[in-house]
Protein backbone atom coordinates (compact mmCIF):
# COMPACT_ATOMS: atom_id res chain seq x y z
CA MET A 1 -5.09 -6.93 40.56
CA GLY A 2 -7.25 -3.87 40.02
CA GLN A 3 -10.78 -3.37 41.29
CA GLY A 4 -13.34 -5.01 39.02
CA HIS A 5 -16.39 -3.23 37.69
CA GLY A 6 -19.25 -5.32 36.38
CA CYS A 7 -21.36 -4.08 33.54
CA GLY A 8 -23.85 -6.78 32.73
CA LEU A 9 -22.18 -9.44 30.62
CA MET A 10 -18.56 -8.33 31.01
CA GLN A 11 -16.20 -7.96 33.97
CA ILE A 12 -13.54 -5.23 33.49
CA GLU A 13 -10.44 -5.11 35.67
CA VAL A 14 -9.35 -1.50 36.20
CA GLY A 15 -5.62 -0.94 35.70
CA GLU A 16 -5.02 -4.14 33.71
CA ARG A 17 -4.21 -4.17 30.03
CA PRO A 18 -5.75 -6.89 27.92
CA SER A 19 -3.32 -9.59 26.87
CA VAL A 20 -2.00 -9.67 23.32
CA ALA A 21 -3.92 -12.90 22.78
CA SER A 22 -7.24 -11.16 23.56
CA SER A 23 -6.58 -8.08 21.41
CA PRO A 24 -7.88 -8.00 17.83
CA GLU A 25 -5.63 -9.42 15.14
CA ARG A 26 -3.44 -6.85 13.38
CA VAL A 27 -3.65 -6.35 9.66
CA SER A 28 -0.83 -8.10 7.82
CA PRO A 29 1.61 -5.82 5.98
CA PRO A 30 0.61 -7.15 2.53
CA ARG A 31 -3.08 -6.57 3.28
CA LEU A 32 -2.31 -3.09 4.64
CA SER A 33 -0.43 -2.35 1.44
CA TYR A 34 -3.27 -3.56 -0.80
CA VAL A 35 -5.95 -1.67 1.15
CA LEU A 36 -3.96 1.57 1.15
CA GLY A 37 -3.25 1.14 -2.57
CA LEU A 38 -6.95 0.66 -3.27
CA ILE A 39 -7.92 3.70 -1.19
CA THR A 40 -5.28 5.78 -2.99
CA LEU A 41 -6.54 4.58 -6.38
CA VAL A 42 -10.19 5.30 -5.58
CA LEU A 43 -9.47 8.80 -4.24
CA ASP A 44 -7.25 9.58 -7.24
CA GLN A 45 -9.76 8.42 -9.84
CA ALA A 46 -12.71 10.05 -8.05
CA SER A 47 -10.88 13.39 -7.94
CA LYS A 48 -10.01 13.17 -11.64
CA LEU A 49 -13.55 12.26 -12.65
CA GLY A 50 -14.79 15.11 -10.47
CA VAL A 51 -12.64 17.74 -12.16
CA LEU A 52 -13.26 16.38 -15.66
CA TYR A 53 -17.01 15.81 -15.47
CA GLY A 54 -18.25 17.47 -12.28
CA LEU A 55 -16.39 20.77 -12.53
CA ASP A 56 -15.87 20.52 -16.31
CA LEU A 57 -12.41 21.93 -15.65
CA GLU A 58 -11.51 21.86 -19.34
CA GLN A 59 -14.09 24.60 -19.95
CA THR A 60 -14.01 26.46 -16.62
CA GLN A 61 -10.29 26.62 -15.82
CA PRO A 62 -8.58 27.96 -13.92
CA ILE A 63 -10.57 27.67 -10.74
CA ILE A 64 -8.83 29.79 -8.12
CA ILE A 65 -9.11 28.13 -4.72
CA SER A 66 -6.74 30.38 -2.79
CA PRO A 67 -3.89 32.84 -3.49
CA VAL A 68 -1.49 29.87 -3.69
CA PHE A 69 -3.67 27.06 -5.09
CA ASP A 70 -5.61 26.67 -8.35
CA LEU A 71 -7.29 23.89 -10.25
CA ILE A 72 -6.09 23.84 -13.85
CA LEU A 73 -6.29 20.97 -16.32
CA VAL A 74 -3.06 19.71 -17.89
CA TRP A 75 -2.84 16.55 -20.02
CA ASN A 76 0.55 15.08 -19.13
CA ARG A 77 1.75 12.85 -21.95
CA GLY A 78 5.10 12.27 -20.28
CA ILE A 79 6.22 10.98 -16.91
CA SER A 80 6.72 12.84 -13.63
CA TYR A 81 7.03 16.60 -13.97
CA GLY A 82 6.17 16.34 -17.67
CA LEU A 83 9.49 14.75 -18.63
CA PHE A 84 9.72 12.66 -21.81
CA GLN A 85 6.53 13.96 -23.43
CA GLN A 86 5.13 11.43 -25.91
CA ASP A 87 2.70 12.78 -28.48
CA ASN A 88 2.81 9.76 -30.78
CA PRO A 89 0.93 6.50 -30.07
CA THR A 90 4.13 4.41 -30.00
CA GLY A 91 5.69 6.56 -27.29
CA GLN A 92 2.46 6.61 -25.28
CA MET A 93 2.22 2.80 -25.51
CA ALA A 94 5.85 2.48 -24.38
CA LEU A 95 5.11 4.63 -21.30
CA LEU A 96 2.01 2.56 -20.54
CA ILE A 97 3.92 -0.73 -20.88
CA GLY A 98 6.71 0.61 -18.65
CA THR A 99 4.13 1.66 -16.05
CA VAL A 100 2.41 -1.74 -16.13
CA LEU A 101 5.75 -3.52 -15.67
CA ALA A 102 6.57 -1.25 -12.69
CA ILE A 103 3.13 -1.98 -11.19
CA LEU A 104 3.68 -5.73 -11.56
CA GLY A 105 7.01 -5.41 -9.76
CA LEU A 106 5.36 -3.40 -6.97
CA LEU A 107 2.60 -6.00 -6.62
CA VAL A 108 5.17 -8.78 -6.19
CA TRP A 109 6.98 -6.66 -3.59
CA MET A 110 3.67 -6.01 -1.81
CA MET A 111 3.02 -9.76 -1.50
CA ARG A 112 6.36 -10.21 0.27
CA VAL A 113 6.44 -7.11 2.47
CA LYS A 114 6.98 -7.72 6.21
CA GLN A 115 7.28 -4.23 7.74
CA PRO A 116 4.18 -2.00 8.12
CA ARG A 117 6.05 1.22 7.16
CA LEU A 118 7.27 -0.37 3.94
CA ALA A 119 3.74 -1.67 3.30
CA VAL A 120 2.39 1.89 3.57
CA ALA A 121 5.01 3.16 1.12
CA LEU A 122 4.21 0.39 -1.38
CA GLY A 123 0.47 1.03 -1.04
CA PHE A 124 0.92 4.71 -1.90
CA LEU A 125 3.29 3.92 -4.78
CA THR A 126 1.12 1.22 -6.29
CA GLY A 127 -2.18 3.07 -5.90
CA GLY A 128 -0.65 6.16 -7.52
CA ALA A 129 0.96 4.20 -10.34
CA VAL A 130 -2.28 2.34 -11.12
CA GLY A 131 -4.24 5.62 -11.06
CA ASN A 132 -1.92 7.23 -13.58
CA ALA A 133 -1.85 4.05 -15.71
CA ILE A 134 -5.65 4.10 -15.91
CA ASP A 135 -5.48 7.69 -17.18
CA ARG A 136 -2.83 6.80 -19.74
CA ALA A 137 -4.91 3.84 -21.01
CA ALA A 138 -8.21 5.76 -21.02
CA TYR A 139 -7.09 9.20 -22.30
CA GLY A 140 -3.59 8.72 -23.73
CA ALA A 141 -2.32 11.11 -21.04
CA VAL A 142 -2.39 11.58 -17.27
CA VAL A 143 -4.94 14.02 -15.85
CA ASP A 144 -3.08 16.64 -13.77
CA PHE A 145 -5.04 19.45 -12.13
CA LEU A 146 -3.54 20.62 -8.81
CA HIS A 147 -1.41 23.76 -9.14
CA LEU A 148 0.54 25.30 -6.26
CA HIS A 149 2.18 28.70 -6.72
CA TRP A 150 3.40 31.60 -4.64
CA ASN A 151 4.88 35.02 -5.35
CA GLY A 152 5.80 34.27 -8.97
CA TRP A 153 6.99 30.75 -8.21
CA SER A 154 4.97 27.91 -9.77
CA TRP A 155 5.14 24.23 -8.92
CA TYR A 156 4.32 21.61 -11.52
CA VAL A 157 0.68 20.73 -12.02
CA PHE A 158 0.05 17.33 -10.43
CA ASN A 159 -2.68 15.00 -9.17
CA LEU A 160 -3.39 12.88 -6.08
CA ALA A 161 -1.63 9.85 -7.62
CA ASP A 162 1.54 11.93 -8.07
CA ALA A 163 1.33 13.12 -4.46
CA ALA A 164 0.88 9.52 -3.24
CA ILE A 165 3.89 8.38 -5.28
CA VAL A 166 6.03 11.16 -3.79
CA VAL A 167 4.90 10.26 -0.25
CA GLY A 168 5.64 6.58 -0.97
CA VAL A 169 9.15 7.41 -2.21
CA LEU A 170 9.79 9.62 0.84
CA ILE A 171 8.72 6.79 3.16
CA LEU A 172 11.00 4.36 1.28
CA MET A 173 13.89 6.80 1.64
CA TYR A 174 13.19 7.27 5.35
CA ASP A 175 12.93 3.50 5.81
CA SER A 176 16.27 2.94 4.06
CA TRP A 177 18.01 5.42 6.39
CA GLN A 178 16.86 3.75 9.60
CA THR A 179 19.78 2.31 11.56
CA ASP A 180 17.62 -0.42 13.09
CA HIS A 181 16.33 -1.65 9.74
CA PRO A 182 15.90 -5.47 9.81
CA SER A 183 18.04 -5.93 6.69
CA GLN A 184 20.96 -4.22 8.46
CA LYS A 185 20.96 -6.55 11.46
CA SER A 186 23.50 -9.32 11.35
CA ALA A 187 22.30 -12.89 11.81
């Protein structure tokens, strides 16, 4: 037993770790997923509102941040990387319905998630998907404004929701490649 040091109301034993029972309760994976999704959504929507109404990017673009990074407004009426552009209302509604169905599936998955890493991935995916769905419902297109480029090479214009979705997919891929994944253990 380590040497105790008193400090008023509490006795601390030096060299002893608190027991698991006395440590604060950990956040459940579903709750972690929901909180991360909400944070992702709020940051995404705040950044979009900032570039649309704070910076008035539509009138002031491009805003050059660095030699490799600009802010430039692009209305993406398609899906990732501008694929399947939909200029007519029927196509836009189909994309919105598809997005809402995907979000509902992610929400069900989030309720059932057991592993923290998977919860993080689902939080990023869901927060990003909801952020882009809000844009699609409000504007008929997704607000993209982040542009990376270098030495004549240009990456697609994207937003924070897109980045969160990519990170979520990368985490899912990493999780699926783990040899000690719970679903791979035999009973």
